[in-house]
C-alpha atoms as a PDB file:
ATOM      1  CA  MET A   1     220.756 263.834 -20.513  1.00  0.00           C
ATOM      2  CA  ALA A   2     224.390 263.063 -19.566  1.00  0.00           C
ATOM      3  CA  ARG A   3     225.258 262.875 -15.920  1.00  0.00           C
ATOM      4  CA  THR A   4     228.031 264.938 -14.517  1.00  0.00           C
ATOM      5  CA  PRO A   5     230.947 263.069 -13.028  1.00  0.00           C
ATOM      6  CA  ARG A   6     230.501 262.089  -9.436  1.00  0.00           C
ATOM      7  CA  THR A   7     233.169 264.422  -8.211  1.00  0.00           C
ATOM      8  CA  ARG A   8     231.377 267.475  -9.660  1.00  0.00           C
ATOM      9  CA  ARG A   9     227.918 266.727  -8.433  1.00  0.00           C
ATOM     10  CA  ALA A  10     226.333 269.076  -5.980  1.00  0.00           C
ATOM     11  CA  LYS A  11     226.127 267.810  -2.490  1.00  0.00           C
ATOM     12  CA  ARG A  12     222.614 266.776  -1.321  1.00  0.00           C
ATOM     13  CA  THR A  13     221.107 268.967   1.294  1.00  0.00           C
ATOM     14  CA  THR A  14     220.240 267.394   4.637  1.00  0.00           C
ATOM     15  CA  ASP A  15     216.825 269.027   4.775  1.00  0.00           C
ATOM     16  CA  PHE A  16     215.433 266.660   2.100  1.00  0.00           C
ATOM     17  CA  GLN A  17     212.618 264.421   3.526  1.00  0.00           C
ATOM     18  CA  GLN A  18     211.637 261.012   2.170  1.00  0.00           C
ATOM     19  CA  PRO A  19     208.011 260.799   1.074  1.00  0.00           C
ATOM     20  CA  ALA A  20     205.693 259.421   3.753  1.00  0.00           C
ATOM     21  CA  ALA A  21     204.689 255.811   3.430  1.00  0.00           C
ATOM     22  CA  THR A  22     201.215 255.224   2.159  1.00  0.00           C
ATOM     23  CA  ALA A  23     198.533 254.310   4.735  1.00  0.00           C
ATOM     24  CA  ARG A  24     198.144 250.911   3.077  1.00  0.00           C
ATOM     25  CA  ALA A  25     201.833 250.095   3.424  1.00  0.00           C
ATOM     26  CA  ARG A  26     201.765 251.179   7.054  1.00  0.00           C
ATOM     27  CA  ASP A  27     198.727 249.042   7.736  1.00  0.00           C
ATOM     28  CA  ARG A  28     200.437 246.004   6.157  1.00  0.00           C
ATOM     29  CA  ARG A  29     203.409 246.410   8.478  1.00  0.00           C
ATOM     30  CA  ARG A  30     201.215 246.671  11.575  1.00  0.00           C
ATOM     31  CA  GLN A  31     199.129 243.584  10.830  1.00  0.00           C
ATOM     32  CA  VAL A  32     199.786 240.651  13.128  1.00  0.00           C
ATOM     33  CA  LYS A  33     199.510 237.309  11.437  1.00  0.00           C
ATOM     34  CA  PRO A  34     197.613 234.543  13.209  1.00  0.00           C
ATOM     35  CA  VAL A  35     199.619 231.775  14.822  1.00  0.00           C
ATOM     36  CA  GLN A  36     199.679 228.629  12.648  1.00  0.00           C
ATOM     37  CA  GLN A  37     201.000 225.173  13.157  1.00  0.00           C
ATOM     38  CA  ALA A  38     204.650 224.601  12.210  1.00  0.00           C
ATOM     39  CA  LYS A  39     205.219 223.647   8.554  1.00  0.00           C
ATOM     40  CA  SER A  40     208.041 221.765   6.981  1.00  0.00           C
ATOM     41  CA  GLN A  41     210.313 223.346   4.328  1.00  0.00           C
ATOM     42  CA  THR A  42     208.027 222.066   1.574  1.00  0.00           C
ATOM     43  CA  GLY A  43     205.044 223.780   3.128  1.00  0.00           C
ATOM     44  CA  ALA A  44     203.306 220.573   4.296  1.00  0.00           C
ATOM     45  CA  LYS A  45     202.036 220.419   7.847  1.00  0.00           C
ATOM     46  CA  ARG A  46     204.174 218.401  10.177  1.00  0.00           C
ATOM     47  CA  GLU A  47     202.667 215.276  11.692  1.00  0.00           C
ATOM     48  CA  ARG A  48     203.657 214.042  15.051  1.00  0.00           C
ATOM     49  CA  ARG A  49     204.993 210.538  14.778  1.00  0.00           C
ATOM     50  CA  GLY A  50     205.416 207.751  17.260  1.00  0.00           C
ATOM     51  CA  GLY A  51     208.794 208.731  18.585  1.00  0.00           C
ATOM     52  CA  ILE A  52     211.453 206.113  19.440  1.00  0.00           C
ATOM     53  CA  ARG A  53     209.204 203.091  18.881  1.00  0.00           C
ATOM     54  CA  ALA A  54     208.268 204.277  15.425  1.00  0.00           C
ATOM     55  CA  PHE A  55     211.885 205.068  14.567  1.00  0.00           C
ATOM     56  CA  ALA A  56     212.995 201.611  15.656  1.00  0.00           C
ATOM     57  CA  LYS A  57     210.185 199.953  13.674  1.00  0.00           C
ATOM     58  CA  GLU A  58     211.064 201.904  10.534  1.00  0.00           C
ATOM     59  CA  SER A  59     214.754 201.149  10.984  1.00  0.00           C
ATOM     60  CA  TRP A  60     214.093 197.450  11.320  1.00  0.00           C
ATOM     61  CA  GLY A  61     211.976 197.535   8.196  1.00  0.00           C
ATOM     62  CA  GLU A  62     214.780 199.303   6.266  1.00  0.00           C
ATOM     63  CA  LEU A  63     217.335 196.724   7.536  1.00  0.00           C
ATOM     64  CA  LYS A  64     215.114 193.921   6.159  1.00  0.00           C
ATOM     65  CA  LYS A  65     215.345 195.557   2.693  1.00  0.00           C
ATOM     66  CA  VAL A  66     219.152 195.579   2.691  1.00  0.00           C
ATOM     67  CA  GLU A  67     220.962 193.079   0.471  1.00  0.00           C
ATOM     68  CA  TRP A  68     223.666 191.824   2.770  1.00  0.00           C
ATOM     69  CA  PRO A  69     226.978 190.687   1.185  1.00  0.00           C
ATOM     70  CA  GLY A  70     227.895 187.006   0.958  1.00  0.00           C
ATOM     71  CA  ARG A  71     231.044 185.495   2.464  1.00  0.00           C
ATOM     72  CA  ARG A  72     233.059 185.777  -0.787  1.00  0.00           C
ATOM     73  CA  GLN A  73     232.098 189.435  -1.277  1.00  0.00           C
ATOM     74  CA  LEU A  74     232.791 190.245   2.328  1.00  0.00           C
ATOM     75  CA  LEU A  75     236.272 188.650   2.238  1.00  0.00           C
ATOM     76  CA  SER A  76     237.195 190.353  -1.056  1.00  0.00           C
ATOM     77  CA  ALA A  77     236.001 193.762   0.201  1.00  0.00           C
ATOM     78  CA  THR A  78     237.978 193.282   3.482  1.00  0.00           C
ATOM     79  CA  ALA A  79     241.137 192.410   1.475  1.00  0.00           C
ATOM     80  CA  VAL A  80     240.742 195.525  -0.636  1.00  0.00           C
ATOM     81  CA  VAL A  81     240.398 197.731   2.429  1.00  0.00           C
ATOM     82  CA  ILE A  82     243.443 196.118   4.102  1.00  0.00           C
ATOM     83  CA  ILE A  83     245.573 196.538   1.006  1.00  0.00           C
ATOM     84  CA  ALA A  84     244.523 200.159   0.543  1.00  0.00           C
ATOM     85  CA  VAL A  85     245.288 200.991   4.214  1.00  0.00           C
ATOM     86  CA  ALA A  86     248.728 199.367   3.821  1.00  0.00           C
ATOM     87  CA  VAL A  87     249.555 201.328   0.690  1.00  0.00           C
ATOM     88  CA  VAL A  88     248.440 204.684   2.151  1.00  0.00           C
ATOM     89  CA  GLY A  89     250.254 203.925   5.440  1.00  0.00           C
ATOM     90  CA  ALA A  90     253.480 203.119   3.580  1.00  0.00           C
ATOM     91  CA  TYR A  91     253.168 206.334   1.525  1.00  0.00           C
ATOM     92  CA  LEU A  92     252.601 208.469   4.607  1.00  0.00           C
ATOM     93  CA  TYR A  93     255.554 206.756   6.379  1.00  0.00           C
ATOM     94  CA  VAL A  94     257.938 207.538   3.503  1.00  0.00           C
ATOM     95  CA  LEU A  95     256.637 211.084   3.254  1.00  0.00           C
ATOM     96  CA  ASP A  96     256.996 211.625   7.001  1.00  0.00           C
ATOM     97  CA  GLU A  97     260.564 210.306   7.006  1.00  0.00           C
ATOM     98  CA  ALA A  98     261.531 212.555   4.044  1.00  0.00           C
ATOM     99  CA  ILE A  99     260.026 215.637   5.598  1.00  0.00           C
ATOM    100  CA  SER A 100     261.490 214.981   8.975  1.00  0.00           C
ATOM    101  CA  ARG A 101     264.982 214.558   7.514  1.00  0.00           C
ATOM    102  CA  LEU A 102     264.544 217.707   5.505  1.00  0.00           C
ATOM    103  CA  VAL A 103     263.574 219.689   8.640  1.00  0.00           C
ATOM    104  CA  ARG A 104     266.319 218.152  10.749  1.00  0.00           C
ATOM    105  CA  ASP A 105     269.157 218.515   8.179  1.00  0.00           C
ATOM    106  CA  VAL A 106     268.301 221.641   6.235  1.00  0.00           C
ATOM    107  CA  LEU A 107     266.244 223.870   8.402  1.00  0.00           C
ATOM    108  CA  LEU A 108     267.569 223.026  11.886  1.00  0.00           C
ATOM    109  CA  ASN A 109     271.196 222.177  10.834  1.00  0.00           C
ATOM    110  CA  LEU A 110     271.551 219.490  13.498  1.00  0.00           C
END
């Protein structure tokens, strides 16, 4: 059966009532769940750990696992960082000068 266009449909009357919810659905809404211990996002129960001491101990253990760079690797990485900062700084300086001259000469007519 084809529907009539929305503009031609008869208006719904305001005396229409929604069917009453079933008793079972009402009971489900009224039920109070028992209080449980907090769970993590994965559903596992959270365990209370040792606080700051445990954090420091675990951090120290992780730092022992780190492979620290040697002197040559440290110097080469430092040189790369210094060169990259110099190149980006020069680029930003040139861009800043160009934009400031454009604003001063073209937009402000000084």
